Amino acid sequence: MSTYVSKEVREGLDAARIAGLKKISRLRVEMDEAHYPVLRLWRNGFSVEAGSVPRLRGLVDLFDGANHLYQCLIVAAEEDAGEMCYEFKRNTAATDKAPLDFYRDPDAPIALLGPGD
């Protein structure tokens, strides 16, 4: 039995796989005010659809729906089966507040009340 698959069938299977990944993924990458759907995310990088997303480079933001997950410095790695894979050079978790430059004791009071308050 032959395992050869014609180019047209392979392209059709890749297109169906990418359409399925786009449907189930809530992840998106933002660069220069433009948003692109992320097909897969792993520890060292992510992938997007190769044909419809321009080549990304530099600083991007990753979102899960409306939640800002990471600010990343990326570099293109490889194109494989209709997906363009990118690797993280730097991947910083996004926070909603500025980092403290001192240690805050967990048992410290939140506010001080004066006499008569």
Protein backbone atom coordinates (compact mmCIF):
# COMPACT_ATOMS: atom_id res chain seq x y z
CA MET A 1 0.00 0.00 0.00
CA SER A 2 1.33 3.42 -0.92
CA THR A 3 1.53 6.31 1.56
CA TYR A 4 1.84 8.91 -1.19
CA VAL A 5 -0.65 11.79 -0.95
CA SER A 6 -1.04 14.17 -3.86
CA LYS A 7 -0.22 17.84 -3.45
CA GLU A 8 -3.88 18.89 -3.79
CA VAL A 9 -5.05 16.44 -1.13
CA ARG A 10 -2.24 17.50 1.23
CA GLU A 11 -3.12 21.19 0.75
CA GLY A 12 -6.79 20.42 1.40
CA LEU A 13 -5.93 18.55 4.60
CA ASP A 14 -3.67 21.38 5.77
CA ALA A 15 -6.40 23.96 5.06
CA ALA A 16 -8.96 21.92 7.00
CA ARG A 17 -6.56 21.49 9.94
CA ILE A 18 -5.81 25.23 10.03
CA ALA A 19 -9.51 26.12 9.83
CA GLY A 20 -10.15 23.83 12.80
CA LEU A 21 -7.32 25.39 14.81
CA LYS A 22 -8.60 28.90 14.06
CA LYS A 23 -12.09 27.95 15.17
CA ILE A 24 -11.08 26.60 18.58
CA SER A 25 -8.33 29.09 19.45
CA ARG A 26 -9.10 32.25 21.43
CA LEU A 27 -5.49 33.40 21.25
CA ARG A 28 -4.40 36.32 19.10
CA VAL A 29 -1.23 38.28 18.51
CA GLU A 30 -1.17 42.07 18.14
CA MET A 31 1.43 44.07 16.26
CA ASP A 32 1.08 47.72 15.17
CA GLU A 33 -2.65 47.86 16.08
CA ALA A 34 -3.41 44.80 13.92
CA HIS A 35 -4.67 41.51 15.40
CA TYR A 36 -3.99 38.04 13.98
CA PRO A 37 -5.32 34.69 15.25
CA VAL A 38 -2.79 32.36 16.89
CA LEU A 39 -3.19 28.72 15.89
CA ARG A 40 -0.98 27.12 18.55
CA LEU A 41 1.00 28.31 21.57
CA TRP A 42 3.78 26.35 23.27
CA ARG A 43 6.47 27.10 25.83
CA ASN A 44 9.02 28.50 23.34
CA GLY A 45 6.77 30.06 20.72
CA PHE A 46 3.54 30.15 18.74
CA SER A 47 2.24 29.72 15.21
CA VAL A 48 -0.06 31.69 12.90
CA GLU A 49 -1.49 30.99 9.46
CA ALA A 50 1.28 31.51 6.91
CA GLY A 51 -0.81 32.76 3.99
CA SER A 52 -3.00 35.38 5.65
CA VAL A 53 -0.66 36.89 8.27
CA PRO A 54 2.26 39.11 7.23
CA ARG A 55 5.73 38.27 8.51
CA LEU A 56 5.87 39.32 12.15
CA ARG A 57 9.04 40.55 13.75
CA GLY A 58 10.08 42.31 16.90
CA LEU A 59 7.83 43.20 19.82
CA VAL A 60 4.30 41.73 19.85
CA ASP A 61 1.56 41.24 22.43
CA LEU A 62 -0.27 37.93 22.99
CA PHE A 63 -3.89 37.94 24.14
CA ASP A 64 -6.36 35.29 25.25
CA GLY A 65 -9.65 36.92 24.36
CA ALA A 66 -9.44 40.31 26.11
CA ASN A 67 -6.79 39.20 28.62
CA HIS A 68 -3.28 40.42 27.89
CA LEU A 69 -1.02 37.41 28.53
CA TYR A 70 2.49 38.27 27.33
CA GLN A 71 4.64 40.90 25.74
CA CYS A 72 7.09 39.05 23.51
CA LEU A 73 10.15 39.67 21.41
CA ILE A 74 9.92 37.17 18.55
CA VAL A 75 11.88 35.84 15.61
CA ALA A 76 10.56 33.77 12.69
CA ALA A 77 11.58 30.12 12.96
CA GLU A 78 10.08 28.08 10.13
CA GLU A 79 7.07 27.57 7.90
CA ASP A 80 5.49 24.14 8.08
CA ALA A 81 2.23 22.83 6.61
CA GLY A 82 0.62 26.25 6.22
CA GLU A 83 1.73 27.52 9.64
CA MET A 84 4.41 30.11 10.29
CA CYS A 85 6.16 29.31 13.55
CA TYR A 86 7.79 31.98 15.71
CA GLU A 87 10.13 31.55 18.66
CA PHE A 88 10.36 33.78 21.71
CA LYS A 89 13.59 35.64 22.31
CA ARG A 90 11.95 37.22 25.35
CA ASN A 91 8.55 36.42 26.84
CA THR A 92 7.33 38.62 29.70
CA ALA A 93 4.04 38.01 31.50
CA ALA A 94 1.77 41.05 31.39
CA THR A 95 0.47 42.47 34.68
CA ASP A 96 -2.21 45.00 35.44
CA LYS A 97 -0.11 46.97 37.95
CA ALA A 98 3.41 48.30 38.13
CA PRO A 99 5.99 46.13 39.89
CA LEU A 100 7.01 47.13 43.40
CA ASP A 101 10.57 48.17 44.03
CA PHE A 102 10.36 47.05 47.65
CA TYR A 103 9.11 44.05 49.62
CA ARG A 104 5.56 44.39 50.91
CA ASP A 105 4.78 42.31 53.99
CA PRO A 106 1.58 40.30 53.38
CA ASP A 107 0.38 41.18 56.91
CA ALA A 108 1.04 44.92 56.55
CA PRO A 109 -1.95 47.23 57.03
CA ILE A 110 -3.57 48.56 53.89
CA ALA A 111 -4.20 52.02 55.36
CA LEU A 112 -3.64 53.87 58.61
CA LEU A 113 -6.55 55.38 60.47
CA GLY A 114 -6.04 58.42 62.65
CA PRO A 115 -7.61 59.01 66.06
CA GLY A 116 -11.34 59.49 65.87
CA ASP A 117 -11.74 57.77 62.48
